[in-house]
């Protein structure tokens, strides 16, 4: 069992707390997205007006970007980088950029906790 020096508890407990935080943030974001979309549709259905333009009530409200939260470890699982020269820096940055680009999704904002 590894002990955290800061909180004086099992490292696994800290990981569980962080994962719970990420899960909660993702669930809150999903609920907010549902509420915003429902309010937009209700407003458009009531008034036929969205953003100053008159539209038919049957028209859908624009897509709301959803948010996703995750830790840097889910993207970059390497514990340490060893840098000796500019080529090493460029190599690690290129790998990180590739991983970040692969996590992007349409209509999604991704928050990364460090």
PDB file of N, CA and C in Angstrom:
ATOM      1  N   UNK A   1       0.849  -1.175   0.000  1.00  0.00           N
ATOM      2  CA  UNK A   1       0.000   0.000   0.000  1.00  0.00           C
ATOM      3  C   UNK A   1       0.893   1.237   0.000  1.00  0.00           C
ATOM      4  N   UNK A   2       0.615   2.163  -0.937  1.00  0.00           N
ATOM      5  CA  UNK A   2       1.372   3.416  -1.005  1.00  0.00           C
ATOM      6  C   UNK A   2       0.601   4.494  -0.264  1.00  0.00           C
ATOM      7  N   UNK A   3       1.312   5.294   0.512  1.00  0.00           N
ATOM      8  CA  UNK A   3       0.687   6.333   1.316  1.00  0.00           C
ATOM      9  C   UNK A   3       0.983   7.704   0.711  1.00  0.00           C
ATOM     10  N   UNK A   4      -0.048   8.527   0.596  1.00  0.00           N
ATOM     11  CA  UNK A   4       0.094   9.897   0.111  1.00  0.00           C
ATOM     12  C   UNK A   4       0.720  10.746   1.209  1.00  0.00           C
ATOM     13  N   UNK A   5       1.772  11.488   0.885  1.00  0.00           N
ATOM     14  CA  UNK A   5       2.462  12.317   1.875  1.00  0.00           C
ATOM     15  C   UNK A   5       1.642  13.544   2.257  1.00  0.00           C
ATOM     16  N   UNK A   6       0.806  14.028   1.356  1.00  0.00           N
ATOM     17  CA  UNK A   6       0.033  15.242   1.629  1.00  0.00           C
ATOM     18  C   UNK A   6      -1.173  14.944   2.512  1.00  0.00           C
ATOM     19  N   UNK A   7      -1.980  13.975   2.112  1.00  0.00           N
ATOM     20  CA  UNK A   7      -3.223  13.686   2.823  1.00  0.00           C
ATOM     21  C   UNK A   7      -3.087  12.536   3.823  1.00  0.00           C
ATOM     22  N   UNK A   8      -1.943  11.884   3.827  1.00  0.00           N
ATOM     23  CA  UNK A   8      -1.670  10.749   4.725  1.00  0.00           C
ATOM     24  C   UNK A   8      -2.755   9.669   4.634  1.00  0.00           C
ATOM     25  N   UNK A   9      -3.010   9.275   3.418  1.00  0.00           N
ATOM     26  CA  UNK A   9      -3.980   8.212   3.189  1.00  0.00           C
ATOM     27  C   UNK A   9      -3.495   7.344   2.033  1.00  0.00           C
ATOM     28  N   UNK A  10      -4.201   6.266   1.804  1.00  0.00           N
ATOM     29  CA  UNK A  10      -3.864   5.340   0.727  1.00  0.00           C
ATOM     30  C   UNK A  10      -4.017   6.036  -0.625  1.00  0.00           C
ATOM     31  N   UNK A  11      -3.047   5.861  -1.515  1.00  0.00           N
ATOM     32  CA  UNK A  11      -3.071   6.474  -2.851  1.00  0.00           C
ATOM     33  C   UNK A  11      -4.343   6.075  -3.598  1.00  0.00           C
ATOM     34  N   UNK A  12      -4.787   4.859  -3.437  1.00  0.00           N
ATOM     35  CA  UNK A  12      -6.007   4.402  -4.100  1.00  0.00           C
ATOM     36  C   UNK A  12      -7.223   5.219  -3.699  1.00  0.00           C
ATOM     37  N   UNK A  13      -7.284   5.652  -2.436  1.00  0.00           N
ATOM     38  CA  UNK A  13      -8.397   6.480  -1.970  1.00  0.00           C
ATOM     39  C   UNK A  13      -8.426   7.811  -2.706  1.00  0.00           C
ATOM     40  N   UNK A  14      -7.254   8.407  -2.914  1.00  0.00           N
ATOM     41  CA  UNK A  14      -7.177   9.687  -3.612  1.00  0.00           C
ATOM     42  C   UNK A  14      -7.638   9.525  -5.051  1.00  0.00           C
ATOM     43  N   UNK A  15      -7.190   8.461  -5.701  1.00  0.00           N
ATOM     44  CA  UNK A  15      -7.606   8.204  -7.082  1.00  0.00           C
ATOM     45  C   UNK A  15      -9.120   8.061  -7.168  1.00  0.00           C
ATOM     46  N   UNK A  16      -9.713   7.390  -6.212  1.00  0.00           N
ATOM     47  CA  UNK A  16     -11.161   7.190  -6.202  1.00  0.00           C
ATOM     48  C   UNK A  16     -11.892   8.523  -6.054  1.00  0.00           C
ATOM     49  N   UNK A  17     -11.370   9.409  -5.198  1.00  0.00           N
ATOM     50  CA  UNK A  17     -11.979  10.730  -5.013  1.00  0.00           C
ATOM     51  C   UNK A  17     -11.903  11.534  -6.309  1.00  0.00           C
ATOM     52  N   UNK A  18     -10.755  11.484  -6.981  1.00  0.00           N
ATOM     53  CA  UNK A  18     -10.591  12.222  -8.240  1.00  0.00           C
ATOM     54  C   UNK A  18     -11.539  11.676  -9.300  1.00  0.00           C
ATOM     55  N   UNK A  19     -11.645  10.356  -9.399  1.00  0.00           N
ATOM     56  CA  UNK A  19     -12.557   9.760 -10.374  1.00  0.00           C
ATOM     57  C   UNK A  19     -14.008  10.130 -10.077  1.00  0.00           C
ATOM     58  N   UNK A  20     -14.380  10.168  -8.780  1.00  0.00           N
ATOM     59  CA  UNK A  20     -15.734  10.574  -8.406  1.00  0.00           C
ATOM     60  C   UNK A  20     -15.996  12.016  -8.821  1.00  0.00           C
ATOM     61  N   UNK A  21     -15.000  12.881  -8.642  1.00  0.00           N
ATOM     62  CA  UNK A  21     -15.142  14.290  -9.034  1.00  0.00           C
ATOM     63  C   UNK A  21     -15.398  14.388 -10.535  1.00  0.00           C
ATOM     64  N   UNK A  22     -14.620  13.669 -11.316  1.00  0.00           N
ATOM     65  CA  UNK A  22     -14.769  13.711 -12.772  1.00  0.00           C
ATOM     66  C   UNK A  22     -16.146  13.189 -13.173  1.00  0.00           C
ATOM     67  N   UNK A  23     -16.584  12.086 -12.570  1.00  0.00           N
ATOM     68  CA  UNK A  23     -17.911  11.538 -12.874  1.00  0.00           C
ATOM     69  C   UNK A  23     -19.011  12.546 -12.552  1.00  0.00           C
ATOM     70  N   UNK A  24     -18.904  13.193 -11.388  1.00  0.00           N
ATOM     71  CA  UNK A  24     -19.912  14.179 -10.989  1.00  0.00           C
ATOM     72  C   UNK A  24     -19.946  15.359 -11.953  1.00  0.00           C
ATOM     73  N   UNK A  25     -18.782  15.872 -12.317  1.00  0.00           N
ATOM     74  CA  UNK A  25     -18.734  16.994 -13.252  1.00  0.00           C
ATOM     75  C   UNK A  25     -19.352  16.617 -14.597  1.00  0.00           C
ATOM     76  N   UNK A  26     -19.083  15.418 -15.072  1.00  0.00           N
ATOM     77  CA  UNK A  26     -19.667  14.973 -16.342  1.00  0.00           C
ATOM     78  C   UNK A  26     -21.186  14.838 -16.242  1.00  0.00           C
ATOM     79  N   UNK A  27     -21.683  14.327 -15.118  1.00  0.00           N
ATOM     80  CA  UNK A  27     -23.130  14.182 -14.949  1.00  0.00           C
ATOM     81  C   UNK A  27     -23.815  15.535 -14.842  1.00  0.00           C
ATOM     82  N   UNK A  28     -23.198  16.474 -14.118  1.00  0.00           N
ATOM     83  CA  UNK A  28     -23.746  17.824 -14.004  1.00  0.00           C
ATOM     84  C   UNK A  28     -23.835  18.456 -15.383  1.00  0.00           C
ATOM     85  N   UNK A  29     -22.801  18.283 -16.170  1.00  0.00           N
ATOM     86  CA  UNK A  29     -22.783  18.881 -17.507  1.00  0.00           C
ATOM     87  C   UNK A  29     -23.876  18.289 -18.395  1.00  0.00           C
ATOM     88  N   UNK A  30     -24.095  16.983 -18.310  1.00  0.00           N
ATOM     89  CA  UNK A  30     -25.158  16.344 -19.096  1.00  0.00           C
ATOM     90  C   UNK A  30     -26.523  16.914 -18.718  1.00  0.00           C
ATOM     91  N   UNK A  31     -26.760  17.066 -17.416  1.00  0.00           N
ATOM     92  CA  UNK A  31     -28.040  17.603 -16.962  1.00  0.00           C
ATOM     93  C   UNK A  31     -28.215  19.052 -17.388  1.00  0.00           C
ATOM     94  N   UNK A  32     -27.151  19.860 -17.286  1.00  0.00           N
ATOM     95  CA  UNK A  32     -27.229  21.256 -17.730  1.00  0.00           C
ATOM     96  C   UNK A  32     -27.566  21.336 -19.217  1.00  0.00           C
ATOM     97  N   UNK A  33     -26.951  20.479 -20.002  1.00  0.00           N
ATOM     98  CA  UNK A  33     -27.201  20.461 -21.446  1.00  0.00           C
ATOM     99  C   UNK A  33     -28.664  20.128 -21.729  1.00  0.00           C
ATOM    100  N   UNK A  34     -29.209  19.151 -21.022  1.00  0.00           N
ATOM    101  CA  UNK A  34     -30.615  18.779 -21.210  1.00  0.00           C
ATOM    102  C   UNK A  34     -31.538  19.942 -20.847  1.00  0.00           C
ATOM    103  N   UNK A  35     -31.244  20.612 -19.731  1.00  0.00           N
ATOM    104  CA  UNK A  35     -32.083  21.721 -19.263  1.00  0.00           C
ATOM    105  C   UNK A  35     -32.044  22.875 -20.265  1.00  0.00           C
ATOM    106  N   UNK A  36     -30.848  23.232 -20.736  1.00  0.00           N
ATOM    107  CA  UNK A  36     -30.707  24.328 -21.695  1.00  0.00           C
ATOM    108  C   UNK A  36     -31.448  24.008 -22.992  1.00  0.00           C
ATOM    109  N   UNK A  37     -31.279  22.804 -23.492  1.00  0.00           N
ATOM    110  CA  UNK A  37     -31.951  22.415 -24.736  1.00  0.00           C
ATOM    111  C   UNK A  37     -33.468  22.457 -24.573  1.00  0.00           C
ATOM    112  N   UNK A  38     -33.973  21.974 -23.433  1.00  0.00           N
ATOM    113  CA  UNK A  38     -35.418  21.981 -23.198  1.00  0.00           C
ATOM    114  C   UNK A  38     -35.945  23.412 -23.122  1.00  0.00           C
ATOM    115  N   UNK A  39     -35.201  24.305 -22.455  1.00  0.00           N
ATOM    116  CA  UNK A  39     -35.626  25.701 -22.361  1.00  0.00           C
ATOM    117  C   UNK A  39     -35.622  26.365 -23.728  1.00  0.00           C
ATOM    118  N   UNK A  40     -34.615  26.074 -24.536  1.00  0.00           N
ATOM    119  CA  UNK A  40     -34.560  26.657 -25.869  1.00  0.00           C
ATOM    120  C   UNK A  40     -35.740  26.197 -26.715  1.00  0.00           C
ATOM    121  N   UNK A  41     -36.014  24.907 -26.681  1.00  0.00           N
ATOM    122  CA  UNK A  41     -37.134  24.381 -27.469  1.00  0.00           C
ATOM    123  C   UNK A  41     -38.461  24.960 -26.988  1.00  0.00           C
ATOM    124  N   UNK A  42     -38.633  25.096 -25.672  1.00  0.00           N
ATOM    125  CA  UNK A  42     -39.870  25.651 -25.135  1.00  0.00           C
ATOM    126  C   UNK A  42     -40.026  27.105 -25.554  1.00  0.00           C
ATOM    127  N   UNK A  43     -38.955  27.861 -25.513  1.00  0.00           N
ATOM    128  CA  UNK A  43     -39.005  29.276 -25.906  1.00  0.00           C
ATOM    129  C   UNK A  43     -39.356  29.419 -27.381  1.00  0.00           C
ATOM    130  N   UNK A  44     -38.714  28.626 -28.214  1.00  0.00           N
ATOM    131  CA  UNK A  44     -38.984  28.690 -29.646  1.00  0.00           C
ATOM    132  C   UNK A  44     -40.422  28.263 -29.929  1.00  0.00           C
ATOM    133  N   UNK A  45     -40.892  27.232 -29.257  1.00  0.00           N
ATOM    134  CA  UNK A  45     -42.256  26.748 -29.468  1.00  0.00           C
ATOM    135  C   UNK A  45     -43.271  27.800 -29.033  1.00  0.00           C
ATOM    136  N   UNK A  46     -42.968  28.505 -27.937  1.00  0.00           N
ATOM    137  CA  UNK A  46     -43.871  29.528 -27.423  1.00  0.00           C
ATOM    138  C   UNK A  46     -43.917  30.754 -28.309  1.00  0.00           C
ATOM    139  N   UNK A  47     -42.766  31.242 -28.706  1.00  0.00           N
ATOM    140  CA  UNK A  47     -42.687  32.541 -29.371  1.00  0.00           C
ATOM    141  C   UNK A  47     -42.438  32.464 -30.863  1.00  0.00           C
ATOM    142  N   UNK A  48     -41.894  31.360 -31.328  1.00  0.00           N
ATOM    143  CA  UNK A  48     -41.516  31.267 -32.729  1.00  0.00           C
ATOM    144  C   UNK A  48     -40.317  32.143 -33.037  1.00  0.00           C
ATOM    145  N   UNK A  49     -39.632  32.588 -31.998  1.00  0.00           N
ATOM    146  CA  UNK A  49     -38.520  33.519 -32.160  1.00  0.00           C
ATOM    147  C   UNK A  49     -37.286  32.961 -31.455  1.00  0.00           C
ATOM    148  N   UNK A  50     -36.198  32.936 -32.172  1.00  0.00           N
ATOM    149  CA  UNK A  50     -34.941  32.504 -31.562  1.00  0.00           C
ATOM    150  C   UNK A  50     -33.832  33.408 -32.059  1.00  0.00           C
ATOM    151  N   UNK A  51     -33.191  34.083 -31.165  1.00  0.00           N
ATOM    152  CA  UNK A  51     -32.068  34.938 -31.530  1.00  0.00           C
ATOM    153  C   UNK A  51     -32.471  36.112 -32.401  1.00  0.00           C
ATOM    154  N   UNK A  52     -33.681  36.645 -32.195  1.00  0.00           N
ATOM    155  CA  UNK A  52     -34.108  37.799 -32.969  1.00  0.00           C
ATOM    156  C   UNK A  52     -34.686  37.441 -34.331  1.00  0.00           C
ATOM    157  N   UNK A  53     -34.641  36.188 -34.722  1.00  0.00           N
ATOM    158  CA  UNK A  53     -35.169  35.762 -36.014  1.00  0.00           C
ATOM    159  C   UNK A  53     -36.417  34.924 -35.778  1.00  0.00           C
ATOM    160  N   UNK A  54     -37.426  35.172 -36.563  1.00  0.00           N
ATOM    161  CA  UNK A  54     -38.645  34.376 -36.450  1.00  0.00           C
ATOM    162  C   UNK A  54     -38.435  33.080 -37.227  1.00  0.00           C
ATOM    163  N   UNK A  55     -38.692  31.988 -36.552  1.00  0.00           N
ATOM    164  CA  UNK A  55     -38.549  30.677 -37.179  1.00  0.00           C
ATOM    165  C   UNK A  55     -39.777  29.842 -36.863  1.00  0.00           C
ATOM    166  N   UNK A  56     -39.929  28.770 -37.551  1.00  0.00           N
ATOM    167  CA  UNK A  56     -41.078  27.910 -37.281  1.00  0.00           C
ATOM    168  C   UNK A  56     -40.845  27.152 -35.987  1.00  0.00           C
ATOM    169  N   UNK A  57     -41.895  26.915 -35.210  1.00  0.00           N
ATOM    170  CA  UNK A  57     -41.738  26.195 -33.945  1.00  0.00           C
ATOM    171  C   UNK A  57     -41.198  24.783 -34.134  1.00  0.00           C
ATOM    172  N   UNK A  58     -41.359  24.235 -35.318  1.00  0.00           N
ATOM    173  CA  UNK A  58     -40.883  22.870 -35.558  1.00  0.00           C
ATOM    174  C   UNK A  58     -39.366  22.824 -35.724  1.00  0.00           C
ATOM    175  N   UNK A  59     -38.737  23.978 -35.983  1.00  0.00           N
ATOM    176  CA  UNK A  59     -37.285  23.992 -36.184  1.00  0.00           C
ATOM    177  C   UNK A  59     -36.583  23.674 -34.864  1.00  0.00           C
ATOM    178  N   UNK A  60     -35.538  22.931 -34.966  1.00  0.00           N
ATOM    179  CA  UNK A  60     -34.794  22.555 -33.769  1.00  0.00           C
ATOM    180  C   UNK A  60     -33.875  23.677 -33.320  1.00  0.00           C
ATOM    181  N   UNK A  61     -33.661  23.757 -32.032  1.00  0.00           N
ATOM    182  CA  UNK A  61     -32.704  24.717 -31.481  1.00  0.00           C
ATOM    183  C   UNK A  61     -31.301  24.265 -31.879  1.00  0.00           C
ATOM    184  N   UNK A  62     -30.359  25.184 -31.949  1.00  0.00           N
ATOM    185  CA  UNK A  62     -29.006  24.780 -32.313  1.00  0.00           C
ATOM    186  C   UNK A  62     -28.420  23.819 -31.285  1.00  0.00           C
ATOM    187  N   UNK A  63     -27.481  23.019 -31.746  1.00  0.00           N
ATOM    188  CA  UNK A  63     -26.857  22.046 -30.851  1.00  0.00           C
ATOM    189  C   UNK A  63     -26.134  22.765 -29.724  1.00  0.00           C
ATOM    190  N   UNK A  64     -26.265  22.211 -28.545  1.00  0.00           N
ATOM    191  CA  UNK A  64     -25.553  22.728 -27.383  1.00  0.00           C
ATOM    192  C   UNK A  64     -24.304  21.876 -27.216  1.00  0.00           C
ATOM    193  N   UNK A  65     -23.172  22.525 -27.073  1.00  0.00           N
ATOM    194  CA  UNK A  65     -21.939  21.762 -26.889  1.00  0.00           C
ATOM    195  C   UNK A  65     -21.965  21.108 -25.516  1.00  0.00           C
ATOM    196  N   UNK A  66     -21.656  19.840 -25.483  1.00  0.00           N
ATOM    197  CA  UNK A  66     -21.572  19.156 -24.197  1.00  0.00           C
ATOM    198  C   UNK A  66     -20.151  19.242 -23.699  1.00  0.00           C
ATOM    199  N   UNK A  67     -19.989  19.056 -22.410  1.00  0.00           N
ATOM    200  CA  UNK A  67     -18.659  19.142 -21.813  1.00  0.00           C
ATOM    201  C   UNK A  67     -18.267  17.789 -21.258  1.00  0.00           C
ATOM    202  N   UNK A  68     -16.997  17.517 -21.344  1.00  0.00           N
ATOM    203  CA  UNK A  68     -16.437  16.273 -20.838  1.00  0.00           C
ATOM    204  C   UNK A  68     -15.228  16.646 -19.995  1.00  0.00           C
ATOM    205  N   UNK A  69     -15.076  16.045 -18.840  1.00  0.00           N
ATOM    206  CA  UNK A  69     -13.945  16.332 -17.967  1.00  0.00           C
ATOM    207  C   UNK A  69     -13.141  15.064 -17.751  1.00  0.00           C
ATOM    208  N   UNK A  70     -11.837  15.200 -17.803  1.00  0.00           N
ATOM    209  CA  UNK A  70     -10.958  14.063 -17.568  1.00  0.00           C
ATOM    210  C   UNK A  70      -9.610  14.547 -17.068  1.00  0.00           C
ATOM    211  N   UNK A  71      -8.851  13.643 -16.568  1.00  0.00           N
ATOM    212  CA  UNK A  71      -7.529  13.981 -16.070  1.00  0.00           C
ATOM    213  C   UNK A  71      -6.472  13.832 -17.154  1.00  0.00           C
ATOM    214  N   UNK A  72      -5.356  14.497 -16.954  1.00  0.00           N
ATOM    215  CA  UNK A  72      -4.254  14.421 -17.914  1.00  0.00           C
ATOM    216  C   UNK A  72      -3.748  12.985 -18.036  1.00  0.00           C
ATOM    217  N   UNK A  73      -3.886  12.210 -16.980  1.00  0.00           N
ATOM    218  CA  UNK A  73      -3.422  10.813 -17.014  1.00  0.00           C
ATOM    219  C   UNK A  73      -4.217   9.978 -18.017  1.00  0.00           C
ATOM    220  N   UNK A  74      -5.457  10.389 -18.304  1.00  0.00           N
ATOM    221  CA  UNK A  74      -6.236   9.630 -19.283  1.00  0.00           C
ATOM    222  C   UNK A  74      -5.743   9.898 -20.707  1.00  0.00           C
ATOM    223  N   UNK A  75      -5.016  11.007 -20.890  1.00  0.00           N
ATOM    224  CA  UNK A  75      -4.477  11.347 -22.201  1.00  0.00           C
ATOM    225  C   UNK A  75      -3.010  10.978 -22.298  1.00  0.00           C
ATOM    226  N   UNK A  76      -2.258  11.340 -21.274  1.00  0.00           N
ATOM    227  CA  UNK A  76      -0.819  11.079 -21.268  1.00  0.00           C
ATOM    228  C   UNK A  76      -0.490  10.207 -20.062  1.00  0.00           C
ATOM    229  N   UNK A  77      -0.333   8.921 -20.295  1.00  0.00           N
ATOM    230  CA  UNK A  77      -0.099   7.997 -19.191  1.00  0.00           C
ATOM    231  C   UNK A  77       1.380   7.819 -18.846  1.00  0.00           C
ATOM    232  N   UNK A  78       2.245   8.580 -19.492  1.00  0.00           N
ATOM    233  CA  UNK A  78       3.672   8.515 -19.192  1.00  0.00           C
ATOM    234  C   UNK A  78       3.917   9.299 -17.903  1.00  0.00           C
ATOM    235  N   UNK A  79       4.593   8.682 -16.943  1.00  0.00           N
ATOM    236  CA  UNK A  79       4.791   9.315 -15.636  1.00  0.00           C
ATOM    237  C   UNK A  79       5.832  10.433 -15.673  1.00  0.00           C
ATOM    238  N   UNK A  80       6.823  10.314 -16.525  1.00  0.00           N
ATOM    239  CA  UNK A  80       7.879  11.337 -16.574  1.00  0.00           C
ATOM    240  C   UNK A  80       8.457  11.417 -17.980  1.00  0.00           C
ATOM    241  N   UNK A  81       8.929  12.595 -18.319  1.00  0.00           N
ATOM    242  CA  UNK A  81       9.608  12.806 -19.587  1.00  0.00           C
ATOM    243  C   UNK A  81      11.081  13.053 -19.305  1.00  0.00           C
ATOM    244  N   UNK A  82      11.936  12.529 -20.134  1.00  0.00           N
ATOM    245  CA  UNK A  82      13.367  12.784 -20.015  1.00  0.00           C
ATOM    246  C   UNK A  82      13.785  13.647 -21.204  1.00  0.00           C
ATOM    247  N   UNK A  83      14.140  14.898 -20.912  1.00  0.00           N
ATOM    248  CA  UNK A  83      14.479  15.859 -21.958  1.00  0.00           C
ATOM    249  C   UNK A  83      15.972  16.165 -21.910  1.00  0.00           C
ATOM    250  N   UNK A  84      16.626  15.984 -23.038  1.00  0.00           N
ATOM    251  CA  UNK A  84      18.048  16.294 -23.123  1.00  0.00           C
ATOM    252  C   UNK A  84      18.339  17.363 -24.167  1.00  0.00           C
ATOM    253  N   UNK A  85      17.454  17.487 -25.151  1.00  0.00           N
ATOM    254  CA  UNK A  85      17.696  18.455 -26.219  1.00  0.00           C
ATOM    255  C   UNK A  85      16.362  18.857 -26.855  1.00  0.00           C
ATOM    256  N   UNK A  86      16.424  19.743 -27.843  1.00  0.00           N
ATOM    257  CA  UNK A  86      15.217  20.230 -28.506  1.00  0.00           C
ATOM    258  C   UNK A  86      14.453  19.114 -29.206  1.00  0.00           C
ATOM    259  N   UNK A  87      15.165  18.144 -29.718  1.00  0.00           N
ATOM    260  CA  UNK A  87      14.503  17.024 -30.404  1.00  0.00           C
ATOM    261  C   UNK A  87      13.615  16.244 -29.439  1.00  0.00           C
ATOM    262  N   UNK A  88      14.079  16.071 -28.192  1.00  0.00           N
ATOM    263  CA  UNK A  88      13.265  15.379 -27.183  1.00  0.00           C
ATOM    264  C   UNK A  88      11.987  16.166 -26.897  1.00  0.00           C
ATOM    265  N   UNK A  89      12.125  17.478 -26.760  1.00  0.00           N
ATOM    266  CA  UNK A  89      10.960  18.322 -26.497  1.00  0.00           C
ATOM    267  C   UNK A  89       9.971  18.206 -27.646  1.00  0.00           C
ATOM    268  N   UNK A  90      10.451  18.317 -28.860  1.00  0.00           N
ATOM    269  CA  UNK A  90       9.587  18.231 -30.037  1.00  0.00           C
ATOM    270  C   UNK A  90       8.897  16.872 -30.125  1.00  0.00           C
ATOM    271  N   UNK A  91       9.625  15.811 -29.784  1.00  0.00           N
ATOM    272  CA  UNK A  91       9.056  14.456 -29.830  1.00  0.00           C
ATOM    273  C   UNK A  91       7.890  14.328 -28.838  1.00  0.00           C
ATOM    274  N   UNK A  92       8.102  14.752 -27.586  1.00  0.00           N
ATOM    275  CA  UNK A  92       7.056  14.630 -26.573  1.00  0.00           C
ATOM    276  C   UNK A  92       5.864  15.535 -26.878  1.00  0.00           C
ATOM    277  N   UNK A  93       6.139  16.742 -27.350  1.00  0.00           N
ATOM    278  CA  UNK A  93       5.046  17.652 -27.690  1.00  0.00           C
ATOM    279  C   UNK A  93       4.238  17.102 -28.862  1.00  0.00           C
ATOM    280  N   UNK A  94       4.900  16.516 -29.843  1.00  0.00           N
ATOM    281  CA  UNK A  94       4.197  15.921 -30.983  1.00  0.00           C
ATOM    282  C   UNK A  94       3.303  14.757 -30.527  1.00  0.00           C
ATOM    283  N   UNK A  95       3.816  13.926 -29.624  1.00  0.00           N
ATOM    284  CA  UNK A  95       3.018  12.809 -29.095  1.00  0.00           C
ATOM    285  C   UNK A  95       1.809  13.331 -28.327  1.00  0.00           C
ATOM    286  N   UNK A  96       2.037  14.347 -27.494  1.00  0.00           N
ATOM    287  CA  UNK A  96       0.946  14.918 -26.707  1.00  0.00           C
ATOM    288  C   UNK A  96      -0.096  15.558 -27.619  1.00  0.00           C
ATOM    289  N   UNK A  97       0.351  16.279 -28.636  1.00  0.00           N
ATOM    290  CA  UNK A  97      -0.575  16.908 -29.579  1.00  0.00           C
ATOM    291  C   UNK A  97      -1.428  15.849 -30.289  1.00  0.00           C
ATOM    292  N   UNK A  98      -0.809  14.755 -30.699  1.00  0.00           N
ATOM    293  CA  UNK A  98      -1.539  13.684 -31.381  1.00  0.00           C
ATOM    294  C   UNK A  98      -2.619  13.095 -30.460  1.00  0.00           C
ATOM    295  N   UNK A  99      -2.250  12.862 -29.197  1.00  0.00           N
ATOM    296  CA  UNK A  99      -3.212  12.304 -28.242  1.00  0.00           C
ATOM    297  C   UNK A  99      -4.347  13.283 -27.975  1.00  0.00           C
ATOM    298  N   UNK A 100      -4.032  14.577 -27.846  1.00  0.00           N
ATOM    299  CA  UNK A 100      -5.068  15.583 -27.623  1.00  0.00           C
ATOM    300  C   UNK A 100      -6.010  15.682 -28.816  1.00  0.00           C
ATOM    301  N   UNK A 101      -5.458  15.650 -30.013  1.00  0.00           N
ATOM    302  CA  UNK A 101      -6.279  15.723 -31.228  1.00  0.00           C
ATOM    303  C   UNK A 101      -7.220  14.518 -31.324  1.00  0.00           C
ATOM    304  N   UNK A 102      -6.756  13.354 -30.872  1.00  0.00           N
ATOM    305  CA  UNK A 102      -7.585  12.147 -30.904  1.00  0.00           C
ATOM    306  C   UNK A 102      -8.729  12.199 -29.900  1.00  0.00           C
ATOM    307  N   UNK A 103      -8.600  13.027 -28.841  1.00  0.00           N
ATOM    308  CA  UNK A 103      -9.670  13.109 -27.844  1.00  0.00           C
ATOM    309  C   UNK A 103     -10.775  14.072 -28.242  1.00  0.00           C
ATOM    310  N   UNK A 104     -10.510  14.928 -29.242  1.00  0.00           N
ATOM    311  CA  UNK A 104     -11.519  15.895 -29.663  1.00  0.00           C
ATOM    312  C   UNK A 104     -12.733  15.202 -30.263  1.00  0.00           C
ATOM    313  N   UNK A 105     -13.895  15.745 -29.951  1.00  0.00           N
ATOM    314  CA  UNK A 105     -15.150  15.227 -30.496  1.00  0.00           C
ATOM    315  C   UNK A 105     -15.982  16.406 -30.970  1.00  0.00           C
ATOM    316  N   UNK A 106     -16.838  16.161 -31.933  1.00  0.00           N
ATOM    317  CA  UNK A 106     -17.688  17.223 -32.464  1.00  0.00           C
ATOM    318  C   UNK A 106     -18.671  17.696 -31.395  1.00  0.00           C
ATOM    319  N   UNK A 107     -18.873  19.002 -31.315  1.00  0.00           N
ATOM    320  CA  UNK A 107     -19.807  19.626 -30.370  1.00  0.00           C
ATOM    321  C   UNK A 107     -19.505  19.265 -28.917  1.00  0.00           C
ATOM    322  N   UNK A 108     -18.232  19.143 -28.580  1.00  0.00           N
ATOM    323  CA  UNK A 108     -17.825  18.791 -27.225  1.00  0.00           C
ATOM    324  C   UNK A 108     -16.683  19.683 -26.773  1.00  0.00           C
ATOM    325  N   UNK A 109     -16.790  20.153 -25.550  1.00  0.00           N
ATOM    326  CA  UNK A 109     -15.707  20.891 -24.906  1.00  0.00           C
ATOM    327  C   UNK A 109     -15.074  19.934 -23.911  1.00  0.00           C
ATOM    328  N   UNK A 110     -13.770  19.759 -24.009  1.00  0.00           N
ATOM    329  CA  UNK A 110     -13.070  18.823 -23.124  1.00  0.00           C
ATOM    330  C   UNK A 110     -12.237  19.612 -22.114  1.00  0.00           C
ATOM    331  N   UNK A 111     -12.530  19.403 -20.842  1.00  0.00           N
ATOM    332  CA  UNK A 111     -11.758  20.014 -19.759  1.00  0.00           C
ATOM    333  C   UNK A 111     -10.779  18.979 -19.242  1.00  0.00           C
ATOM    334  N   UNK A 112      -9.519  19.368 -19.136  1.00  0.00           N
ATOM    335  CA  UNK A 112      -8.490  18.438 -18.672  1.00  0.00           C
ATOM    336  C   UNK A 112      -7.944  18.939 -17.349  1.00  0.00           C
ATOM    337  N   UNK A 113      -8.063  18.117 -16.323  1.00  0.00           N
ATOM    338  CA  UNK A 113      -7.521  18.440 -15.001  1.00  0.00           C
ATOM    339  C   UNK A 113      -6.075  17.984 -14.933  1.00  0.00           C
ATOM    340  N   UNK A 114      -5.215  18.840 -14.413  1.00  0.00           N
ATOM    341  CA  UNK A 114      -3.810  18.499 -14.225  1.00  0.00           C
ATOM    342  C   UNK A 114      -3.537  18.192 -12.783  1.00  0.00           C
TER     343      UNK A 114
END
